[in-house]
């Protein structure tokens, strides 16, 4: 393979794989060498057997006689019978080792997929939030899907190593038997292989990029259409999505068809030319010497060796084609693997007095500064309303409060302790967060409310009662009521109440509402806000809202405008 093609692949794999995977890879390489030795011996032993079986008198002279006497045989027939049975037993053991090697090889490759997929998923969940919001979720799905292809690359590389060693050993044996004929075959086949490899590498990398892009588009189209299912039906644009989907699947399938065709090309060419050359050699000997009896064992050995070598060369070229085709998948996984992540700790944080913003500024990855020199204090037990027009920085302020974002400058202090990566997990456990859009996954109400915390049925029912939705659920299946994907089986108000119950389940010290009721009508909003005020009497409450009626019961108000505090009461 071209060094320029191999080097970046090896470099990326070395970075991606852990030490334990590298050690297993070394063990597999030793197993590969043993497999190649077994394969070579299996081929080389055939010629002596055919020679002895066709001409028993060979046991009366030379090295065959020395082996015959060393093993203590007196009957030529018995020697030939034992020789044949020994070869049969060897081939049975060879088959067993091949099966075991294939199992270990595939276990390693697919075990690596599991490691990469798990690690990528963990990294996605540890992405800085301001980086996450810039990503399309279909790209994240695609990154994990491509990890399967990286395991396939590893499998291909292992198979290339196995076939390479087998070919080299068999080739050395063929040189010993007849170096002239071997070199002639080599010159012709090598020229053919070089041409094939150039064609494969040139086209497979291009096809791999095309297929990976097509897969990404397929994921994006599905995410968009499923996420906007109702609007797709209302606007009658399903056909548009179907056409886009068909275009992407066509691009992927065309790339796979051409790649599969390229993969089949080496086998057909190499086998046709290789065995044609062998038949031509036999015909040449017949026409020149009138008989090929003396070289039948040699021809048989060559036929068997080529029968083993040509499929190995074909597999090698097929695997080179596959590696080139999947190289873009490795690029995607490597890029995602190297993304910046946040390591967060759970150093205890107490909240007995206040939360202070001290000269806090914030900026997203691109664009102007969103918040500039923000300073204010929230005392424990306060009911604080954060108001202001859209784009004034209200939600960003709250995201800094709950530790999702980190300040560009300045600090957020809790009882005098600065929030940082070392204590932010402990801080978030004190917060119950209710966003504007509650995402409910397709499971029971219980699973959606508990959401990864320790299950406590009494606590669960209590918070559902507090959120004023338990009566409705009793008319269904109680805590086992299914909500549908995205909460599609519930009304907007019911989803918000599930969100409130989720926020209350861990008994937080602080409740944060980020425009949690803005999508509801006035009557439902008023009712839910009354319930929230009632539930948060002993808690600190921070409410973001556009409508002043929503926050009329808050004791303090902070008004934002253009990333600055316009006023605070």
Protein backbone atom coordinates (compact mmCIF):
# COMPACT_ATOMS: atom_id res chain seq x y z
CA UNK A 1 0.00 0.00 0.00
CA UNK A 2 1.04 3.57 -0.62
CA UNK A 3 2.88 4.93 2.46
CA UNK A 4 1.10 8.27 2.11
CA UNK A 5 -2.18 6.35 2.31
CA UNK A 6 -1.20 4.16 5.27
CA UNK A 7 0.67 6.59 7.56
CA UNK A 8 -2.26 8.88 8.57
CA UNK A 9 -4.48 5.83 9.16
CA UNK A 10 -1.93 4.20 11.47
CA UNK A 11 -1.34 7.51 13.26
CA UNK A 12 -5.06 8.03 13.93
CA UNK A 13 -5.53 4.44 15.10
CA UNK A 14 -2.59 4.75 17.50
CA UNK A 15 -4.27 7.78 19.03
CA UNK A 16 -7.71 6.19 19.23
CA UNK A 17 -6.67 2.82 20.68
CA UNK A 18 -5.84 2.31 24.34
CA UNK A 19 -2.79 0.40 25.54
CA UNK A 20 -4.83 -2.76 26.18
CA UNK A 21 -6.08 -2.72 22.60
CA UNK A 22 -2.54 -2.34 21.28
CA UNK A 23 -1.37 -5.31 23.39
CA UNK A 24 -4.24 -7.42 22.04
CA UNK A 25 -3.25 -6.34 18.57
CA UNK A 26 0.32 -7.57 19.16
CA UNK A 27 -1.04 -10.94 20.34
CA UNK A 28 -3.18 -11.13 17.22
CA UNK A 29 -0.15 -10.41 15.03
CA UNK A 30 1.70 -13.35 16.63
CA UNK A 31 -1.35 -15.52 16.02
CA UNK A 32 -1.30 -14.27 12.42
CA UNK A 33 2.32 -15.36 11.99
CA UNK A 34 1.46 -18.80 13.35
CA UNK A 35 -1.48 -19.01 10.97
CA UNK A 36 0.80 -18.15 8.06
CA UNK A 37 3.30 -20.85 9.11
CA UNK A 38 0.46 -23.38 9.25
CA UNK A 39 -0.82 -22.31 5.82
CA UNK A 40 2.64 -22.54 4.28
CA UNK A 41 3.30 -25.96 5.77
CA UNK A 42 -0.09 -27.14 4.54
CA UNK A 43 0.87 -26.25 0.97
CA UNK A 44 4.49 -27.41 1.09
CA UNK A 45 3.64 -30.89 2.38
CA UNK A 46 1.44 -31.69 -0.64
CA UNK A 47 4.27 -31.95 -3.19
CA UNK A 48 6.24 -34.60 -1.23
CA UNK A 49 3.08 -36.61 -0.67
CA UNK A 50 2.14 -36.56 -4.38
CA UNK A 51 5.73 -37.47 -5.31
CA UNK A 52 5.87 -40.44 -2.93
CA UNK A 53 2.31 -41.59 -3.71
CA UNK A 54 2.88 -41.49 -7.48
CA UNK A 55 6.44 -42.93 -7.34
CA UNK A 56 6.93 -45.16 -4.24
CA UNK A 57 10.45 -46.04 -5.38
CA UNK A 58 11.53 -42.56 -4.30
CA UNK A 59 11.55 -43.97 -0.75
CA UNK A 60 14.62 -46.03 -1.71
CA UNK A 61 16.89 -43.01 -2.13
CA UNK A 62 17.73 -39.51 -1.00
CA UNK A 63 16.01 -37.56 1.76
CA UNK A 64 12.77 -39.51 1.37
CA UNK A 65 14.66 -42.69 2.28
CA UNK A 66 16.26 -40.95 5.27
CA UNK A 67 12.83 -39.94 6.63
CA UNK A 68 11.44 -43.43 5.86
CA UNK A 69 14.20 -45.12 7.91
CA UNK A 70 14.22 -42.49 10.69
CA UNK A 71 10.53 -43.12 11.38
CA UNK A 72 11.14 -46.89 11.48
CA UNK A 73 8.88 -47.92 8.58
CA UNK A 74 9.46 -51.17 6.70
CA UNK A 75 6.45 -51.03 4.35
CA UNK A 76 6.16 -48.33 1.71
CA UNK A 77 2.37 -48.69 1.64
CA UNK A 78 2.15 -48.16 5.39
CA UNK A 79 4.37 -45.08 5.13
CA UNK A 80 2.22 -43.56 2.36
CA UNK A 81 -0.98 -44.38 4.32
CA UNK A 82 0.34 -42.77 7.51
CA UNK A 83 1.66 -39.83 5.52
CA UNK A 84 -1.80 -39.26 4.01
CA UNK A 85 -3.64 -39.69 7.32
CA UNK A 86 -1.18 -37.29 8.95
CA UNK A 87 -1.93 -34.67 6.31
CA UNK A 88 -5.69 -35.15 6.86
CA UNK A 89 -5.26 -34.73 10.64
CA UNK A 90 -3.13 -31.64 10.08
CA UNK A 91 -5.78 -30.07 7.85
CA UNK A 92 -8.47 -30.75 10.49
CA UNK A 93 -6.34 -28.97 13.11
CA UNK A 94 -5.61 -26.20 10.59
CA UNK A 95 -9.34 -25.66 10.08
CA UNK A 96 -9.95 -25.54 13.85
CA UNK A 97 -7.18 -22.97 14.31
CA UNK A 98 -8.57 -20.89 11.43
CA UNK A 99 -12.01 -20.82 13.06
CA UNK A 100 -10.51 -19.89 16.45
CA UNK A 101 -8.34 -17.17 14.86
CA UNK A 102 -11.34 -15.72 13.00
CA UNK A 103 -13.32 -15.62 16.25
CA UNK A 104 -10.52 -13.83 18.14
CA UNK A 105 -9.96 -11.44 15.23
CA UNK A 106 -13.62 -10.45 14.99
CA UNK A 107 -13.98 -10.22 18.77
CA UNK A 108 -11.08 -7.78 18.86
CA UNK A 109 -12.40 -5.63 15.99
CA UNK A 110 -15.99 -5.47 17.24
CA UNK A 111 -14.85 -5.03 20.84
CA UNK A 112 -12.95 -2.00 19.61
CA UNK A 113 -16.17 -0.70 18.04
CA UNK A 114 -17.87 -0.98 21.42
CA UNK A 115 -15.04 0.93 23.09
CA UNK A 116 -15.05 3.69 20.45
CA UNK A 117 -18.85 4.01 20.46
CA UNK A 118 -18.97 4.15 24.27
CA UNK A 119 -16.15 6.66 24.43
CA UNK A 120 -17.65 8.88 21.73
CA UNK A 121 -21.02 8.86 23.48
CA UNK A 122 -19.35 9.80 26.76
CA UNK A 123 -17.45 12.60 25.00
CA UNK A 124 -20.64 13.91 23.39
CA UNK A 125 -22.29 14.13 26.80
CA UNK A 126 -19.20 15.96 28.12
CA UNK A 127 -19.08 18.56 25.32
CA UNK A 128 -19.04 22.17 26.47
CA UNK A 129 -22.62 23.37 26.07
CA UNK A 130 -21.72 26.29 23.83
CA UNK A 131 -20.02 23.79 21.48
CA UNK A 132 -22.93 21.35 21.68
CA UNK A 133 -25.51 23.96 20.62
CA UNK A 134 -23.58 24.49 17.40
CA UNK A 135 -23.76 20.81 16.46
CA UNK A 136 -26.51 19.12 14.49
CA UNK A 137 -27.63 16.02 16.41
CA UNK A 138 -27.55 13.99 13.18
CA UNK A 139 -23.77 14.63 13.10
CA UNK A 140 -23.47 13.14 16.59
CA UNK A 141 -25.51 10.08 15.58
CA UNK A 142 -23.34 9.74 12.47
CA UNK A 143 -20.11 9.88 14.49
CA UNK A 144 -21.10 6.84 16.56
CA UNK A 145 -22.40 5.02 13.47
CA UNK A 146 -19.02 5.54 11.77
CA UNK A 147 -17.27 3.82 14.71
CA UNK A 148 -18.55 0.53 13.26
CA UNK A 149 -16.56 1.29 10.11
CA UNK A 150 -13.40 1.95 12.14
CA UNK A 151 -13.66 -1.55 13.59
CA UNK A 152 -14.01 -2.80 10.01
CA UNK A 153 -10.79 -0.96 9.10
CA UNK A 154 -9.00 -2.75 11.95
CA UNK A 155 -10.34 -6.08 10.71
CA UNK A 156 -9.16 -5.29 7.18
CA UNK A 157 -5.66 -4.35 8.42
CA UNK A 158 -5.39 -7.59 10.42
CA UNK A 159 -6.47 -9.61 7.40
CA UNK A 160 -3.94 -7.76 5.20
CA UNK A 161 -1.19 -8.66 7.70
CA UNK A 162 -2.32 -12.29 7.77
CA UNK A 163 -2.44 -12.61 3.99
CA UNK A 164 0.86 -10.74 3.54
CA UNK A 165 2.79 -13.11 5.80
CA UNK A 166 1.16 -16.16 4.19
CA UNK A 167 2.00 -14.91 0.70
CA UNK A 168 5.63 -14.17 1.63
CA UNK A 169 6.16 -17.62 3.13
CA UNK A 170 4.54 -19.41 0.21
CA UNK A 171 6.47 -17.24 -2.21
CA UNK A 172 9.76 -18.16 -0.51
CA UNK A 173 8.82 -21.83 -0.81
CA UNK A 174 8.00 -21.40 -4.52
CA UNK A 175 11.39 -19.74 -5.09
CA UNK A 176 13.12 -22.74 -3.56
CA UNK A 177 11.15 -25.14 -5.78
CA UNK A 178 11.67 -23.26 -9.07
CA UNK A 179 12.98 -19.71 -8.90
CA UNK A 180 12.82 -19.10 -12.66
CA UNK A 181 9.14 -19.90 -13.05
CA UNK A 182 8.34 -18.08 -9.79
CA UNK A 183 10.05 -14.85 -10.90
CA UNK A 184 8.26 -14.93 -14.24
CA UNK A 185 4.90 -15.29 -12.54
CA UNK A 186 5.87 -12.54 -10.08
CA UNK A 187 6.76 -10.02 -12.79
CA UNK A 188 3.46 -10.50 -14.59
CA UNK A 189 1.25 -10.55 -11.46
CA UNK A 190 3.08 -7.66 -9.80
CA UNK A 191 2.50 -5.42 -12.79
CA UNK A 192 -1.17 -6.32 -12.71
CA UNK A 193 -1.41 -5.71 -8.95
CA UNK A 194 0.18 -2.25 -9.21
CA UNK A 195 -2.34 -1.24 -11.87
CA UNK A 196 -5.26 -2.59 -9.82
CA UNK A 197 -4.12 -0.87 -6.59
CA UNK A 198 -3.82 2.49 -8.35
CA UNK A 199 -7.32 2.17 -9.73
CA UNK A 200 -8.74 1.05 -6.37
CA UNK A 201 -7.11 3.74 -4.22
CA UNK A 202 -7.98 6.53 -6.62
CA UNK A 203 -11.66 5.66 -6.71
CA UNK A 204 -12.38 4.08 -3.30
CA UNK A 205 -11.37 7.11 -1.22
CA UNK A 206 -13.63 9.32 -3.34
CA UNK A 207 -16.50 6.83 -3.05
CA UNK A 208 -16.00 6.54 0.73
CA UNK A 209 -16.30 10.30 1.20
CA UNK A 210 -19.39 10.32 -1.01
CA UNK A 211 -21.03 7.49 0.98
CA UNK A 212 -20.22 9.06 4.38
CA UNK A 213 -21.68 12.39 3.27
CA UNK A 214 -24.75 10.59 1.98
CA UNK A 215 -25.20 8.85 5.34
CA UNK A 216 -24.91 12.20 7.13
CA UNK A 217 -27.57 13.69 4.86
CA UNK A 218 -29.85 10.71 5.47
CA UNK A 219 -29.56 11.27 9.25
CA UNK A 220 -30.21 15.00 8.90
CA UNK A 221 -33.27 14.49 6.69
CA UNK A 222 -34.77 11.99 9.12
CA UNK A 223 -34.09 14.24 12.13
CA UNK A 224 -35.74 17.22 10.42
CA UNK A 225 -38.77 15.34 9.15
CA UNK A 226 -39.47 13.33 12.31
CA UNK A 227 -38.90 16.37 14.53
CA UNK A 228 -41.39 18.42 12.47
CA UNK A 229 -43.77 15.57 11.65
CA UNK A 230 -46.95 17.59 12.23
CA UNK A 231 -45.76 20.52 10.10
CA UNK A 232 -44.61 18.17 7.34
CA UNK A 233 -48.14 16.76 7.18
CA UNK A 234 -49.85 20.16 7.46
CA UNK A 235 -47.76 21.76 4.71
CA UNK A 236 -47.91 18.65 2.53
CA UNK A 237 -44.14 18.61 1.95
CA UNK A 238 -43.56 14.92 2.67
CA UNK A 239 -42.77 14.38 -1.03
CA UNK A 240 -39.94 16.93 -0.78
CA UNK A 241 -38.34 15.00 2.06
CA UNK A 242 -38.87 11.69 0.27
CA UNK A 243 -37.10 13.09 -2.81
CA UNK A 244 -34.18 14.36 -0.70
CA UNK A 245 -34.03 11.01 1.11
CA UNK A 246 -34.09 9.11 -2.18
CA UNK A 247 -31.33 11.31 -3.61
CA UNK A 248 -29.10 10.61 -0.58
CA UNK A 249 -29.79 6.86 -0.51
CA UNK A 250 -29.11 6.73 -4.25
CA UNK A 251 -25.74 8.42 -3.74
CA UNK A 252 -24.85 5.95 -0.98
CA UNK A 253 -26.02 2.88 -2.90
CA UNK A 254 -24.21 3.97 -6.09
CA UNK A 255 -20.98 4.46 -4.15
CA UNK A 256 -21.39 1.02 -2.53
CA UNK A 257 -22.17 -0.66 -5.88
CA UNK A 258 -19.07 0.78 -7.55
CA UNK A 259 -16.92 -0.03 -4.51
CA UNK A 260 -18.20 -3.63 -4.47
CA UNK A 261 -17.46 -3.91 -8.21
CA UNK A 262 -13.93 -2.62 -7.68
CA UNK A 263 -13.52 -5.13 -4.86
CA UNK A 264 -14.49 -8.03 -7.13
CA UNK A 265 -12.19 -6.96 -9.99
CA UNK A 266 -8.86 -8.25 -8.53
CA UNK A 267 -10.14 -11.79 -7.96
CA UNK A 268 -11.40 -12.19 -11.52
CA UNK A 269 -8.29 -10.75 -13.13
CA UNK A 270 -5.70 -12.43 -10.90
CA UNK A 271 -7.25 -15.90 -10.97
CA UNK A 272 -7.77 -15.79 -14.73
CA UNK A 273 -4.23 -14.63 -15.49
CA UNK A 274 -2.50 -16.70 -12.78
CA UNK A 275 -4.00 -20.05 -13.74
CA UNK A 276 -3.76 -19.22 -17.45
CA UNK A 277 -0.01 -18.77 -16.98
CA UNK A 278 0.21 -22.11 -15.16
CA UNK A 279 -1.68 -23.93 -17.94
CA UNK A 280 0.51 -22.19 -20.53
CA UNK A 281 3.63 -23.46 -18.70
CA UNK A 282 2.32 -27.06 -18.81
CA UNK A 283 1.54 -26.77 -22.53
CA UNK A 284 5.00 -25.34 -23.21
CA UNK A 285 6.67 -28.25 -21.42
CA UNK A 286 4.52 -30.77 -23.30
CA UNK A 287 5.31 -29.30 -26.70
CA UNK A 288 9.02 -28.94 -25.92
CA UNK A 289 9.76 -32.22 -24.09
CA UNK A 290 6.81 -34.37 -25.10
CA UNK A 291 6.01 -35.31 -21.47
CA UNK A 292 5.23 -33.49 -18.24
CA UNK A 293 5.37 -36.56 -15.99
CA UNK A 294 8.58 -35.51 -14.26
CA UNK A 295 7.23 -32.14 -13.20
CA UNK A 296 3.69 -33.19 -12.23
CA UNK A 297 4.49 -32.79 -8.48
CA UNK A 298 5.95 -29.33 -9.14
CA UNK A 299 2.94 -28.28 -11.23
CA UNK A 300 0.60 -29.67 -8.56
CA UNK A 301 2.45 -27.70 -5.88
CA UNK A 302 2.30 -24.53 -7.99
CA UNK A 303 -1.40 -25.05 -8.63
CA UNK A 304 -2.05 -25.49 -4.91
CA UNK A 305 0.19 -22.56 -3.97
CA UNK A 306 -1.51 -20.29 -6.51
CA UNK A 307 -4.88 -21.59 -5.36
CA UNK A 308 -3.92 -20.29 -1.89
CA UNK A 309 -1.92 -17.20 -2.90
CA UNK A 310 -4.30 -15.69 -5.45
CA UNK A 311 -7.29 -15.57 -3.07
CA UNK A 312 -4.95 -14.05 -0.46
CA UNK A 313 -3.83 -11.37 -2.91
CA UNK A 314 -7.46 -10.80 -3.84
CA UNK A 315 -8.43 -10.43 -0.18
CA UNK A 316 -5.52 -8.05 0.37
CA UNK A 317 -6.59 -5.86 -2.53
CA UNK A 318 -10.20 -6.07 -1.43
CA UNK A 319 -9.20 -5.00 2.07
CA UNK A 320 -7.08 -2.16 0.68
CA UNK A 321 -10.17 -1.09 -1.27
CA UNK A 322 -12.28 -1.31 1.89
CA UNK A 323 -9.78 0.65 4.01
CA UNK A 324 -9.62 3.40 1.38
CA UNK A 325 -13.42 3.42 1.17
CA UNK A 326 -13.79 3.68 4.96
CA UNK A 327 -10.92 6.11 5.58
CA UNK A 328 -13.33 9.05 5.76
CA UNK A 329 -15.21 7.24 8.55
CA UNK A 330 -11.94 7.11 10.50
CA UNK A 331 -11.47 10.84 9.88
CA UNK A 332 -14.96 11.52 11.30
CA UNK A 333 -14.41 9.37 14.40
CA UNK A 334 -10.95 10.83 14.99
CA UNK A 335 -12.25 14.39 14.67
CA UNK A 336 -15.06 13.70 17.16
CA UNK A 337 -12.70 11.80 19.46
CA UNK A 338 -10.34 14.79 19.66
CA UNK A 339 -13.05 17.35 20.46
CA UNK A 340 -12.73 19.47 23.57
CA UNK A 341 -14.61 18.01 26.53
CA UNK A 342 -15.24 19.21 30.07
CA UNK A 343 -14.14 17.21 33.11
CA UNK A 344 -16.46 18.13 35.96
CA UNK A 345 -16.21 17.33 39.66
CA UNK A 346 -18.50 17.17 42.68
CA UNK A 347 -16.64 19.19 45.31
CA UNK A 348 -19.34 20.09 47.88
CA UNK A 349 -21.00 23.51 47.57
CA UNK A 350 -23.11 25.05 50.33
CA UNK A 351 -25.94 27.47 49.64
CA UNK A 352 -26.92 29.11 52.91
CA UNK A 353 -26.63 32.83 52.08
CA UNK A 354 -26.43 34.04 48.49
CA UNK A 355 -25.45 33.69 44.85
CA UNK A 356 -23.37 36.57 43.47
CA UNK A 357 -22.52 37.54 39.90
CA UNK A 358 -19.34 39.63 39.96
CA UNK A 359 -18.44 41.47 36.74
CA UNK A 360 -19.55 38.52 34.61
CA UNK A 361 -19.13 38.73 30.82
CA UNK A 362 -19.95 36.01 28.32
CA UNK A 363 -19.44 35.33 24.62
CA UNK A 364 -20.41 32.39 22.42
CA UNK A 365 -17.87 30.73 20.12
CA UNK A 366 -18.73 33.27 17.45
CA UNK A 367 -20.44 36.65 17.53
CA UNK A 368 -20.30 39.64 19.87
CA UNK A 369 -20.21 39.62 23.67
CA UNK A 370 -23.66 38.62 24.94
CA UNK A 371 -23.31 39.73 28.58
CA UNK A 372 -21.02 42.51 29.76
CA UNK A 373 -19.87 43.18 33.35
CA UNK A 374 -23.00 41.77 35.02
CA UNK A 375 -23.06 42.13 38.82
CA UNK A 376 -25.97 41.33 41.16
CA UNK A 377 -26.87 39.12 44.12
CA UNK A 378 -29.62 36.56 44.79
CA UNK A 379 -30.25 35.92 48.47
CA UNK A 380 -31.42 32.51 49.66
CA UNK A 381 -35.22 32.41 49.55
CA UNK A 382 -35.53 35.24 47.00
CA UNK A 383 -38.18 35.11 44.28
CA UNK A 384 -36.34 36.82 41.41
CA UNK A 385 -37.91 37.67 38.04
CA UNK A 386 -35.59 38.22 35.07
CA UNK A 387 -37.32 40.23 32.34
CA UNK A 388 -36.39 41.97 29.12
CA UNK A 389 -36.88 41.75 25.36
CA UNK A 390 -35.81 38.75 23.26
CA UNK A 391 -32.04 38.62 22.78
CA UNK A 392 -31.32 40.69 25.87
CA UNK A 393 -29.34 37.86 27.53
CA UNK A 394 -31.92 36.47 29.99
CA UNK A 395 -31.50 32.78 29.13
CA UNK A 396 -27.70 33.12 28.94
CA UNK A 397 -27.74 34.63 32.43
CA UNK A 398 -29.67 31.64 33.75
CA UNK A 399 -27.37 29.19 31.93
CA UNK A 400 -24.45 30.78 33.76
CA UNK A 401 -26.37 30.50 37.02
CA UNK A 402 -26.96 26.76 36.62
CA UNK A 403 -23.36 26.15 35.51
CA UNK A 404 -24.03 25.12 31.92
CA UNK A 405 -21.85 27.97 30.66
CA UNK A 406 -18.66 29.41 32.15
CA UNK A 407 -18.05 33.17 32.23
CA UNK A 408 -15.68 34.71 29.73
CA UNK A 409 -14.55 36.91 32.62
CA UNK A 410 -15.72 37.55 36.13
CA UNK A 411 -17.14 34.89 38.45
CA UNK A 412 -20.33 33.36 39.83
CA UNK A 413 -19.99 32.85 43.60
CA UNK A 414 -22.15 30.72 45.90
CA UNK A 415 -21.67 31.62 49.55
CA UNK A 416 -18.34 33.12 48.46
CA UNK A 417 -17.16 29.99 46.63
CA UNK A 418 -16.53 30.41 42.89
CA UNK A 419 -18.36 27.99 40.60
CA UNK A 420 -15.90 26.03 38.49
CA UNK A 421 -15.43 22.64 36.82
CA UNK A 422 -14.46 21.08 40.14
CA UNK A 423 -17.72 21.80 41.98
CA UNK A 424 -20.33 22.42 39.27
CA UNK A 425 -21.86 18.92 39.50
CA UNK A 426 -22.57 19.36 43.21
CA UNK A 427 -24.04 22.79 42.48
CA UNK A 428 -26.38 21.53 39.77
CA UNK A 429 -27.84 18.94 42.18
CA UNK A 430 -29.25 21.86 44.14
CA UNK A 431 -31.12 23.19 41.10
CA UNK A 432 -34.48 22.21 39.62
CA UNK A 433 -34.65 23.47 36.04
CA UNK A 434 -37.85 23.91 34.00
CA UNK A 435 -37.22 25.01 30.40
CA UNK A 436 -39.71 26.42 27.91
CA UNK A 437 -39.76 23.20 25.91
CA UNK A 438 -39.96 20.01 27.96
CA UNK A 439 -38.58 17.00 26.08
CA UNK A 440 -40.22 13.76 27.20
CA UNK A 441 -38.88 10.47 25.87
CA UNK A 442 -41.10 7.58 24.83
CA UNK A 443 -41.49 5.84 28.16
CA UNK A 444 -43.63 6.01 31.28
CA UNK A 445 -44.34 9.12 33.34
CA UNK A 446 -42.27 7.56 36.13
CA UNK A 447 -39.16 7.18 33.95
CA UNK A 448 -39.55 10.72 32.64
CA UNK A 449 -39.84 12.25 36.10
CA UNK A 450 -37.13 10.19 37.85
CA UNK A 451 -34.80 10.74 34.86
CA UNK A 452 -31.76 8.86 36.16
CA UNK A 453 -32.16 9.59 39.88
CA UNK A 454 -32.79 6.89 42.50
CA UNK A 455 -36.35 5.55 42.19
CA UNK A 456 -38.69 6.35 45.09
CA UNK A 457 -42.35 5.72 44.31
CA UNK A 458 -43.67 7.69 47.29
CA UNK A 459 -41.54 10.68 46.35
CA UNK A 460 -42.62 10.30 42.72
CA UNK A 461 -46.34 10.40 43.54
CA UNK A 462 -45.81 13.32 45.93
CA UNK A 463 -44.16 15.52 43.25
CA UNK A 464 -46.84 14.56 40.72
CA UNK A 465 -49.44 15.70 43.24
CA UNK A 466 -47.46 18.91 43.81
CA UNK A 467 -47.41 19.50 40.05
CA UNK A 468 -51.20 18.98 40.00
CA UNK A 469 -51.16 16.17 37.42
CA UNK A 470 -51.66 13.12 39.62
CA UNK A 471 -55.47 13.27 39.30
CA UNK A 472 -55.21 13.18 35.51
CA UNK A 473 -52.77 10.25 35.62
CA UNK A 474 -55.08 8.23 37.87
CA UNK A 475 -57.57 8.24 34.98
CA UNK A 476 -54.87 6.59 32.84
CA UNK A 477 -52.26 4.10 34.03
CA UNK A 478 -50.91 6.17 36.91
CA UNK A 479 -47.11 6.43 36.99
CA UNK A 480 -46.97 3.81 34.19
CA UNK A 481 -48.81 6.10 31.76
CA UNK A 482 -46.93 6.27 28.45
CA UNK A 483 -46.24 9.78 27.17
CA UNK A 484 -45.13 9.05 23.58
CA UNK A 485 -42.01 10.41 21.91
CA UNK A 486 -41.61 14.09 22.79
CA UNK A 487 -44.71 13.79 25.03
CA UNK A 488 -46.95 13.70 21.98
CA UNK A 489 -49.76 11.98 23.92
CA UNK A 490 -50.00 14.87 26.42
CA UNK A 491 -51.19 18.47 26.13
CA UNK A 492 -48.79 21.39 26.51
CA UNK A 493 -49.90 22.08 30.06
CA UNK A 494 -49.58 18.42 31.02
CA UNK A 495 -46.05 18.27 29.63
CA UNK A 496 -45.10 21.34 31.64
CA UNK A 497 -46.49 19.74 34.79
CA UNK A 498 -44.39 16.61 34.12
CA UNK A 499 -41.41 18.97 33.72
CA UNK A 500 -42.24 20.63 37.05
CA UNK A 501 -42.47 17.22 38.76
CA UNK A 502 -39.10 16.28 37.23
CA UNK A 503 -37.55 19.50 38.58
CA UNK A 504 -39.00 18.91 42.07
CA UNK A 505 -38.17 15.20 42.34
CA UNK A 506 -34.66 15.69 43.79
CA UNK A 507 -35.96 18.35 46.24
CA UNK A 508 -33.75 21.18 44.92
CA UNK A 509 -32.89 24.35 46.86
CA UNK A 510 -33.40 26.51 43.77
CA UNK A 511 -36.09 26.41 41.10
CA UNK A 512 -35.22 27.99 37.75
CA UNK A 513 -37.91 28.62 35.11
CA UNK A 514 -36.59 29.61 31.70
CA UNK A 515 -39.74 30.96 30.02
CA UNK A 516 -41.33 27.70 31.12
CA UNK A 517 -44.92 28.82 30.55
CA UNK A 518 -44.60 31.22 27.61
CA UNK A 519 -46.02 28.69 25.14
CA UNK A 520 -49.22 28.21 27.19
CA UNK A 521 -52.41 30.23 27.09
CA UNK A 522 -52.97 32.82 29.83
CA UNK A 523 -55.39 30.74 31.87
CA UNK A 524 -53.20 27.64 31.98
CA UNK A 525 -50.08 29.75 32.56
CA UNK A 526 -51.68 31.55 35.51
CA UNK A 527 -52.77 28.27 37.06
CA UNK A 528 -49.34 26.63 36.66
CA UNK A 529 -47.48 29.69 37.97
CA UNK A 530 -49.75 29.79 41.03
CA UNK A 531 -48.84 26.15 41.65
CA UNK A 532 -45.13 26.90 41.24
CA UNK A 533 -45.26 29.85 43.65
CA UNK A 534 -47.06 27.68 46.16
CA UNK A 535 -44.51 24.87 45.84
CA UNK A 536 -41.48 27.18 46.07
CA UNK A 537 -42.34 29.00 49.30
CA UNK A 538 -39.33 27.49 51.04
CA UNK A 539 -37.10 27.63 47.96
CA UNK A 540 -35.18 30.21 45.98
CA UNK A 541 -37.02 30.92 42.72
CA UNK A 542 -35.63 32.45 39.51
CA UNK A 543 -38.15 33.08 36.74
CA UNK A 544 -37.48 34.29 33.20
CA UNK A 545 -40.58 35.64 31.50
CA UNK A 546 -41.76 38.10 28.84
CA UNK A 547 -45.15 38.79 30.36
CA UNK A 548 -45.16 40.82 33.55
CA UNK A 549 -48.28 39.00 34.76
CA UNK A 550 -46.18 35.84 34.94
CA UNK A 551 -43.78 37.32 37.49
CA UNK A 552 -46.12 39.60 39.46
CA UNK A 553 -45.66 37.50 42.62
CA UNK A 554 -41.85 37.73 42.51
CA UNK A 555 -40.45 39.97 45.23
CA UNK A 556 -37.48 41.15 43.12
CA UNK A 557 -37.07 41.99 39.43
CA UNK A 558 -34.01 42.23 37.25
CA UNK A 559 -34.49 43.84 33.84
CA UNK A 560 -32.06 42.99 31.02
CA UNK A 561 -31.39 44.93 27.83
CA UNK A 562 -28.62 44.35 25.23
CA UNK A 563 -26.58 42.19 27.60
CA UNK A 564 -26.65 44.73 30.43
CA UNK A 565 -28.70 45.12 33.59
CA UNK A 566 -31.11 47.97 32.89
CA UNK A 567 -32.56 47.94 36.36
CA UNK A 568 -32.94 45.81 39.48
CA UNK A 569 -35.42 46.06 42.32
